[in-house]
Amino acid sequence: MKILIINGYEKHVDSNGILTKTLFDTYLNELRQKNDVQISWVESYDRVQEQNKFLWADLVIIQFPIYWFQVPGKLKLYMDDVFGFYEFYGSGKRYGQNGLMNGTKYLLSTTWNAPKYAFNDEKEFFGGKDVDDVLFPMYCAFKYCGFKPFDENRRTLSFHDVIKNLKVDEYINEIKTFVKKHNL
């Protein structure tokens, strides 16, 4: 399989990016054993080269932290720049039905300061919402371009409570288990 792994970390005053880099490296080390892998960083890239990487890929994995319940600004700018009209999507009669990336799958891999218990519980911070609800705009952007989720039941691997209760070994094992389970 041809896999593009993107490091979506943006420099931040309160973060040095070590966790994102560790998880990014884990994907790289696990996936390159059986797959053809290319990598990218949102901090530095060439638009045309990135578009070609997406066109080449069967699967795109983006590893990134959540900043204020959203993707980092440079990841958003990267998508605005790289997801080009006529390369990734076109125009047509039905809104959202003109994606040109049909067949390319995606997986989002996210780190959150929010603990797991804050999701899926009406009494907690997110009011019963789950990670998919918070990331719904990202899923729509990928769907609009014609991407498909890697797994309809799990579009995102999410690692929680990464400031107060960091469990790097657990996160790494979850990635390894995911790769093994899906025979990647």
Protein backbone atom coordinates (compact mmCIF):
# COMPACT_ATOMS: atom_id res chain seq x y z
CA MET A 1 0.00 0.00 0.00
CA LYS A 2 1.15 3.57 -0.68
CA ILE A 3 0.84 5.63 2.50
CA LEU A 4 1.39 9.33 3.09
CA ILE A 5 2.00 10.29 6.73
CA ILE A 6 1.69 13.97 7.59
CA ASN A 7 3.01 15.63 10.73
CA GLY A 8 0.39 18.29 11.45
CA TYR A 9 2.20 19.83 14.42
CA GLU A 10 2.59 23.60 14.50
CA LYS A 11 5.06 25.29 16.83
CA HIS A 12 3.24 26.38 19.95
CA VAL A 13 4.38 28.33 22.98
CA ASP A 14 3.07 25.63 25.36
CA SER A 15 4.23 22.59 23.37
CA ASN A 16 7.44 21.36 21.83
CA GLY A 17 5.92 18.76 19.50
CA ILE A 18 7.76 15.78 20.99
CA LEU A 19 4.58 13.69 21.43
CA THR A 20 3.37 14.37 17.87
CA LYS A 21 6.84 13.55 16.52
CA THR A 22 6.96 10.33 18.58
CA LEU A 23 3.58 9.17 17.27
CA PHE A 24 4.45 10.26 13.72
CA ASP A 25 7.70 8.25 13.96
CA THR A 26 5.78 5.25 15.31
CA TYR A 27 3.51 5.26 12.26
CA LEU A 28 6.53 5.64 10.00
CA ASN A 29 8.49 2.81 11.62
CA GLU A 30 5.52 0.44 11.73
CA LEU A 31 4.14 1.15 8.26
CA ARG A 32 7.33 1.25 6.22
CA GLN A 33 7.97 -2.42 7.00
CA LYS A 34 5.25 -3.55 4.54
CA ASN A 35 4.33 -0.40 2.63
CA ASP A 36 5.69 2.32 0.38
CA VAL A 37 5.65 5.41 2.63
CA GLN A 38 6.13 9.11 2.02
CA ILE A 39 6.12 11.80 4.71
CA SER A 40 5.27 15.49 4.97
CA TRP A 41 5.23 18.31 7.53
CA VAL A 42 2.82 21.24 7.53
CA GLU A 43 5.62 23.53 8.76
CA SER A 44 7.50 23.23 5.44
CA TYR A 45 6.30 21.92 2.08
CA ASP A 46 5.96 22.53 -1.64
CA ARG A 47 2.33 22.71 -2.84
CA VAL A 48 2.79 20.76 -6.08
CA GLN A 49 4.88 18.06 -4.41
CA GLU A 50 2.22 17.68 -1.71
CA GLN A 51 -0.58 17.41 -4.26
CA ASN A 52 1.40 14.71 -6.06
CA LYS A 53 1.89 12.82 -2.80
CA PHE A 54 -1.88 12.82 -2.22
CA LEU A 55 -2.54 11.68 -5.79
CA TRP A 56 0.02 8.89 -5.29
CA ALA A 57 -1.31 7.68 -1.91
CA ASP A 58 -3.82 4.93 -1.16
CA LEU A 59 -3.98 6.06 2.48
CA VAL A 60 -3.26 9.41 4.13
CA ILE A 61 -2.59 9.54 7.88
CA ILE A 62 -2.39 12.91 9.59
CA GLN A 63 -0.94 13.04 13.11
CA PHE A 64 -1.72 16.31 14.90
CA PRO A 65 -2.54 17.89 18.26
CA ILE A 66 -5.89 19.51 18.92
CA TYR A 67 -5.54 23.23 19.70
CA TRP A 68 -8.63 24.83 21.18
CA PHE A 69 -10.90 22.07 19.85
CA GLN A 70 -9.62 22.51 16.29
CA VAL A 71 -6.73 21.54 14.05
CA PRO A 72 -3.55 23.63 14.32
CA GLY A 73 -3.67 26.74 12.13
CA LYS A 74 -0.84 25.58 9.85
CA LEU A 75 -2.61 22.27 9.22
CA LYS A 76 -5.69 24.24 8.16
CA LEU A 77 -3.55 26.48 5.93
CA TYR A 78 -1.87 23.38 4.48
CA MET A 79 -5.26 21.92 3.56
CA ASP A 80 -6.42 25.27 2.11
CA ASP A 81 -3.30 25.38 -0.03
CA VAL A 82 -2.91 21.73 -1.05
CA PHE A 83 -6.56 20.70 -1.55
CA GLY A 84 -6.77 22.44 -4.90
CA PHE A 85 -9.75 23.03 -7.16
CA TYR A 86 -9.60 20.66 -10.15
CA GLU A 87 -6.99 18.50 -8.37
CA PHE A 88 -9.02 17.44 -5.33
CA TYR A 89 -12.55 18.59 -6.15
CA GLY A 90 -14.58 20.09 -8.98
CA SER A 91 -17.95 21.72 -9.48
CA GLY A 92 -21.17 20.05 -10.48
CA LYS A 93 -24.90 19.85 -9.99
CA ARG A 94 -24.94 18.41 -6.46
CA TYR A 95 -23.02 20.01 -3.64
CA GLY A 96 -20.36 17.77 -2.18
CA GLN A 97 -20.62 15.17 -4.95
CA ASN A 98 -17.64 16.28 -7.00
CA GLY A 99 -14.61 15.04 -5.12
CA LEU A 100 -11.75 13.84 -7.28
CA MET A 101 -9.87 11.79 -4.66
CA ASN A 102 -12.17 8.74 -4.89
CA GLY A 103 -10.50 5.66 -3.60
CA THR A 104 -7.99 7.44 -1.36
CA LYS A 105 -8.56 6.68 2.31
CA TYR A 106 -7.70 8.81 5.33
CA LEU A 107 -7.10 8.39 9.05
CA LEU A 108 -6.77 11.22 11.54
CA SER A 109 -4.57 10.61 14.56
CA THR A 110 -5.04 13.22 17.27
CA THR A 111 -3.75 14.17 20.68
CA TRP A 112 -5.97 15.96 23.18
CA ASN A 113 -5.47 17.55 26.55
CA ALA A 114 -9.09 16.57 27.19
CA PRO A 115 -9.48 13.29 29.09
CA LYS A 116 -11.55 10.45 27.60
CA TYR A 117 -14.26 10.83 30.23
CA ALA A 118 -15.05 14.35 28.94
CA PHE A 119 -16.61 12.75 25.83
CA ASN A 120 -19.76 10.65 25.36
CA ASP A 121 -21.31 11.75 28.65
CA GLU A 122 -24.12 14.33 28.79
CA LYS A 123 -22.87 15.57 32.17
CA GLU A 124 -19.30 16.20 31.07
CA PHE A 125 -17.64 19.05 29.17
CA PHE A 126 -18.61 18.00 25.63
CA GLY A 127 -22.25 17.41 26.61
CA GLY A 128 -22.41 13.86 25.26
CA LYS A 129 -20.51 14.60 22.06
CA ASP A 130 -17.67 12.34 20.94
CA VAL A 131 -14.41 13.02 19.09
CA ASP A 132 -16.19 12.49 15.76
CA ASP A 133 -18.62 15.28 16.60
CA VAL A 134 -15.79 17.71 17.39
CA LEU A 135 -13.87 16.75 14.22
CA PHE A 136 -16.93 16.72 11.95
CA PRO A 137 -15.69 19.69 9.84
CA MET A 138 -12.48 17.77 9.04
CA TYR A 139 -14.49 14.74 7.95
CA CYS A 140 -16.62 16.98 5.74
CA ALA A 141 -13.52 18.50 4.10
CA PHE A 142 -12.20 15.03 3.27
CA LYS A 143 -15.61 13.82 2.09
CA TYR A 144 -16.02 16.93 -0.09
CA CYS A 145 -12.77 16.01 -1.86
CA GLY A 146 -13.89 12.42 -2.34
CA PHE A 147 -11.72 10.77 0.32
CA LYS A 148 -13.09 7.79 2.22
CA PRO A 149 -12.48 7.00 5.88
CA PHE A 150 -9.99 4.18 6.39
CA ASP A 151 -12.52 2.48 8.64
CA GLU A 152 -16.15 3.65 8.71
CA ASN A 153 -16.34 2.69 12.38
CA ARG A 154 -13.17 4.51 13.38
CA ARG A 155 -12.00 7.50 11.38
CA THR A 156 -9.74 8.72 14.17
CA LEU A 157 -7.23 7.35 16.63
CA SER A 158 -7.36 9.72 19.60
CA PHE A 159 -4.96 9.95 22.49
CA HIS A 160 -6.27 11.80 25.53
CA ASP A 161 -5.17 13.64 28.65
CA VAL A 162 -1.70 14.18 27.17
CA ILE A 163 -0.73 17.00 29.52
CA LYS A 164 -1.80 15.77 32.96
CA ASN A 165 -1.70 12.02 32.38
CA LEU A 166 0.71 11.35 29.52
CA LYS A 167 0.93 7.64 28.56
CA VAL A 168 3.32 7.54 25.61
CA ASP A 169 3.88 3.77 25.75
CA GLU A 170 0.11 3.18 25.74
CA TYR A 171 -0.33 5.46 22.70
CA ILE A 172 2.50 3.74 20.83
CA ASN A 173 1.00 0.32 21.61
CA GLU A 174 -2.39 1.48 20.35
CA ILE A 175 -0.84 2.50 17.03
CA LYS A 176 1.02 -0.80 16.76
CA THR A 177 -2.18 -2.73 17.54
CA PHE A 178 -4.09 -0.72 14.94
CA VAL A 179 -1.44 -1.40 12.27
CA LYS A 180 -1.36 -5.12 13.12
CA LYS A 181 -5.17 -5.45 13.28
CA HIS A 182 -5.54 -3.93 9.81
CA ASN A 183 -2.59 -5.86 8.41
CA LEU A 184 -0.79 -2.70 7.40
